[in-house]
Amino acid sequence: MSDGPYQSLPLRKPWREAAEFAHKEAFSSDERSDAICAAMHNDLKEDVGLDRLKAIGSILLQDEQGSLFADQADSELDAIRDQYAPSSLMDAIIEHAQYCIRSGLSGDQALEAAINRASLDNAHANARSIEEHYLRDGAGMKGSEVRSNLNEALSSSRAQNIGREVIALMKGENVETKVRKATGIDEGLTIEP
């Protein structure tokens, strides 16, 4: 347990890294935010994928141009579920997109809001899983501290606007999606594209 319960977390590597950043006091809140965002990007990449996001985005862009009614956009978004393998994160994005359309949003605004909501819901669920793991591992008080650090990172501006970064990626822009830890004492945190 000297390395911390984050080593044995039954989550993907980026979430174990986010837990490590939240566990160790040496990391700043900005570094924790970067680690959380890297984990969120990884979940979107692994569970949804760029092709699905582009398919959802194309429907929302059609709706923005006024060619779709909300009901038609809803049914087209539902059809995406049938085209691809099941994914709870993709389903959540679709459901949030449908809600956004019914609320009057369209295009990039609807896609950004849907990705933000679904990604943050998923990230909060992972933060709860991390805290539960700490409690099962016997690190109760540290688990509360880690959860607090994760929640602070999830409240950061960058995490709250993850959808904007995802849309930028979809448009081919360069966005930092991975965190690489420093290897030397004089080397700061470096983020990889």
Protein backbone atom coordinates (compact mmCIF):
# COMPACT_ATOMS: atom_id res chain seq x y z
CA MET A 1 0.00 0.00 0.00
CA SER A 2 3.03 2.28 0.04
CA ASP A 3 2.34 3.24 -3.59
CA GLY A 4 -1.31 3.88 -2.85
CA PRO A 5 -4.54 2.08 -3.67
CA TYR A 6 -4.64 3.74 -7.09
CA GLN A 7 -2.22 1.04 -8.34
CA SER A 8 -4.85 -1.69 -7.97
CA LEU A 9 -7.86 0.25 -9.22
CA PRO A 10 -10.00 -1.85 -11.59
CA LEU A 11 -10.23 1.08 -14.02
CA ARG A 12 -8.38 2.07 -17.18
CA LYS A 13 -4.85 3.41 -16.87
CA PRO A 14 -5.82 7.09 -17.33
CA TRP A 15 -8.21 6.82 -14.36
CA ARG A 16 -5.53 5.16 -12.25
CA GLU A 17 -3.26 8.08 -13.17
CA ALA A 18 -5.98 10.59 -12.27
CA ALA A 19 -6.36 8.82 -8.91
CA GLU A 20 -2.60 8.99 -8.40
CA PHE A 21 -2.60 12.73 -9.15
CA ALA A 22 -5.47 13.16 -6.66
CA HIS A 23 -3.72 10.95 -4.09
CA LYS A 24 -0.35 12.70 -4.07
CA GLU A 25 -0.14 16.20 -2.66
CA ALA A 26 2.80 17.04 -4.94
CA PHE A 27 0.44 17.59 -7.87
CA SER A 28 -1.23 20.96 -8.38
CA SER A 29 -4.92 21.42 -9.08
CA ASP A 30 -4.08 22.25 -12.73
CA GLU A 31 -2.14 18.99 -13.06
CA ARG A 32 -5.07 17.11 -11.52
CA SER A 33 -7.43 18.80 -13.95
CA ASP A 34 -5.20 17.77 -16.86
CA ALA A 35 -5.16 14.17 -15.59
CA ILE A 36 -8.96 14.11 -15.24
CA CYS A 37 -9.38 15.53 -18.75
CA ALA A 38 -6.96 12.95 -20.15
CA ALA A 39 -9.08 10.20 -18.56
CA MET A 40 -12.27 11.75 -19.95
CA HIS A 41 -10.74 11.98 -23.44
CA ASN A 42 -9.64 8.35 -23.18
CA ASP A 43 -13.16 7.23 -22.25
CA LEU A 44 -14.59 9.08 -25.23
CA LYS A 45 -11.97 7.58 -27.52
CA GLU A 46 -12.41 4.02 -26.22
CA ASP A 47 -16.17 3.96 -25.60
CA VAL A 48 -17.50 6.22 -28.33
CA GLY A 49 -14.88 6.96 -30.97
CA LEU A 50 -14.47 9.74 -33.46
CA ASP A 51 -16.70 8.15 -36.11
CA ARG A 52 -19.70 7.97 -33.76
CA LEU A 53 -19.15 11.50 -32.51
CA LYS A 54 -19.00 12.75 -36.08
CA ALA A 55 -22.24 10.89 -36.89
CA ILE A 56 -23.98 12.51 -33.92
CA GLY A 57 -22.47 15.88 -34.82
CA SER A 58 -23.65 15.68 -38.44
CA ILE A 59 -27.24 15.19 -37.29
CA LEU A 60 -26.99 18.16 -34.93
CA LEU A 61 -25.45 20.31 -37.68
CA GLN A 62 -28.32 19.38 -40.02
CA ASP A 63 -30.74 20.40 -37.29
CA GLU A 64 -28.91 23.74 -36.93
CA GLN A 65 -29.47 24.42 -40.62
CA GLY A 66 -33.21 24.04 -40.04
CA SER A 67 -33.68 20.92 -42.14
CA LEU A 68 -34.72 18.68 -39.24
CA PHE A 69 -37.50 18.86 -36.75
CA ALA A 70 -36.73 17.78 -33.21
CA ASP A 71 -38.65 14.50 -33.70
CA GLN A 72 -36.73 13.70 -36.87
CA ALA A 73 -33.41 14.47 -35.21
CA ASP A 74 -34.44 12.26 -32.26
CA SER A 75 -35.14 9.33 -34.55
CA GLU A 76 -31.91 9.83 -36.50
CA LEU A 77 -29.95 9.93 -33.25
CA ASP A 78 -31.71 6.72 -32.14
CA ALA A 79 -30.71 5.11 -35.46
CA ILE A 80 -27.04 5.70 -34.60
CA ARG A 81 -27.46 3.32 -31.66
CA ASP A 82 -28.45 0.56 -34.10
CA GLN A 83 -25.47 1.25 -36.39
CA TYR A 84 -22.79 0.81 -33.75
CA ALA A 85 -21.88 -1.55 -30.95
CA PRO A 86 -23.52 -0.68 -27.63
CA SER A 87 -21.79 1.89 -25.43
CA SER A 88 -23.28 3.43 -22.31
CA LEU A 89 -21.28 6.63 -22.83
CA MET A 90 -22.48 6.95 -26.43
CA ASP A 91 -26.07 6.32 -25.29
CA ALA A 92 -25.69 9.06 -22.69
CA ILE A 93 -24.35 11.50 -25.30
CA ILE A 94 -27.30 10.70 -27.58
CA GLU A 95 -29.81 11.13 -24.76
CA HIS A 96 -28.26 14.44 -23.75
CA ALA A 97 -28.20 15.55 -27.40
CA GLN A 98 -31.90 14.74 -27.73
CA TYR A 99 -32.61 16.75 -24.60
CA CYS A 100 -30.55 19.66 -25.94
CA ILE A 101 -32.47 19.64 -29.22
CA ARG A 102 -35.81 19.68 -27.38
CA SER A 103 -34.43 22.56 -25.29
CA GLY A 104 -33.74 24.62 -28.40
CA LEU A 105 -30.01 24.05 -28.87
CA SER A 106 -28.58 22.85 -32.16
CA GLY A 107 -25.30 22.31 -33.97
CA ASP A 108 -22.03 22.64 -32.08
CA GLN A 109 -23.82 24.07 -29.03
CA ALA A 110 -25.99 20.96 -28.66
CA LEU A 111 -23.07 18.60 -29.30
CA GLU A 112 -20.81 20.43 -26.84
CA ALA A 113 -23.49 20.42 -24.12
CA ALA A 114 -24.28 16.73 -24.72
CA ILE A 115 -20.61 15.71 -24.54
CA ASN A 116 -20.06 17.88 -21.45
CA ARG A 117 -23.00 16.38 -19.57
CA ALA A 118 -22.36 12.75 -20.52
CA SER A 119 -18.60 12.96 -19.91
CA LEU A 120 -19.01 14.66 -16.55
CA ASP A 121 -21.64 12.13 -15.44
CA ASN A 122 -19.27 9.33 -16.43
CA ALA A 123 -16.30 11.02 -14.71
CA HIS A 124 -18.24 11.54 -11.48
CA ALA A 125 -19.18 7.84 -11.52
CA ASN A 126 -15.49 6.94 -11.88
CA ALA A 127 -14.60 9.32 -9.02
CA ARG A 128 -17.14 7.51 -6.82
CA SER A 129 -15.63 4.16 -7.86
CA ILE A 130 -12.18 5.40 -6.90
CA GLU A 131 -13.39 6.51 -3.48
CA GLU A 132 -15.16 3.15 -2.93
CA HIS A 133 -11.96 1.34 -3.89
CA TYR A 134 -10.03 3.38 -1.32
CA LEU A 135 -12.62 2.56 1.34
CA ARG A 136 -12.45 -1.17 0.55
CA ASP A 137 -8.66 -0.97 0.63
CA GLY A 138 -8.73 0.44 4.14
CA ALA A 139 -7.63 3.96 3.20
CA GLY A 140 -10.85 5.65 4.36
CA MET A 141 -9.69 9.18 5.18
CA LYS A 142 -7.35 9.25 2.18
CA GLY A 143 -10.30 8.12 0.03
CA SER A 144 -12.30 11.17 1.07
CA GLU A 145 -9.32 13.42 0.30
CA VAL A 146 -8.83 11.79 -3.11
CA ARG A 147 -12.53 12.15 -3.91
CA SER A 148 -12.40 15.82 -2.89
CA ASN A 149 -9.37 16.39 -5.15
CA LEU A 150 -11.10 14.60 -8.03
CA ASN A 151 -14.26 16.68 -7.55
CA GLU A 152 -12.16 19.85 -7.53
CA ALA A 153 -10.54 18.78 -10.80
CA LEU A 154 -13.97 17.98 -12.28
CA SER A 155 -15.09 21.49 -11.32
CA SER A 156 -12.24 23.08 -13.27
CA SER A 157 -13.05 25.13 -16.32
CA ARG A 158 -11.24 22.69 -18.58
CA ALA A 159 -13.20 19.65 -17.35
CA GLN A 160 -16.49 21.54 -17.42
CA ASN A 161 -15.86 22.39 -21.10
CA ILE A 162 -14.51 19.05 -22.32
CA GLY A 163 -17.05 19.14 -25.17
CA ARG A 164 -15.32 22.15 -26.68
CA GLU A 165 -12.04 20.22 -26.80
CA VAL A 166 -13.72 17.20 -28.35
CA ILE A 167 -15.32 19.31 -31.07
CA ALA A 168 -11.92 20.88 -31.76
CA LEU A 169 -10.46 17.36 -32.13
CA MET A 170 -13.30 16.43 -34.48
CA LYS A 171 -12.38 19.45 -36.62
CA GLY A 172 -8.75 18.27 -36.77
CA GLU A 173 -7.33 20.80 -34.34
CA ASN A 174 -4.47 19.86 -32.03
CA VAL A 175 -5.73 19.27 -28.48
CA GLU A 176 -3.77 17.95 -25.50
CA THR A 177 -5.38 14.64 -24.55
CA LYS A 178 -2.69 12.74 -22.61
CA VAL A 179 -0.64 13.50 -19.54
CA ARG A 180 2.99 12.49 -19.22
CA LYS A 181 4.50 12.70 -15.77
CA ALA A 182 7.76 14.50 -15.20
CA THR A 183 10.86 12.31 -15.19
CA GLY A 184 13.34 14.66 -13.57
CA ILE A 185 13.32 17.02 -10.64
CA ASP A 186 13.72 20.09 -12.84
CA GLU A 187 11.22 18.91 -15.43
CA GLY A 188 7.64 20.11 -15.05
CA LEU A 189 4.48 18.35 -16.09
CA THR A 190 4.34 17.79 -19.83
CA ILE A 191 1.16 17.18 -21.77
CA GLU A 192 1.27 15.13 -24.94
CA PRO A 193 -1.04 15.81 -27.91
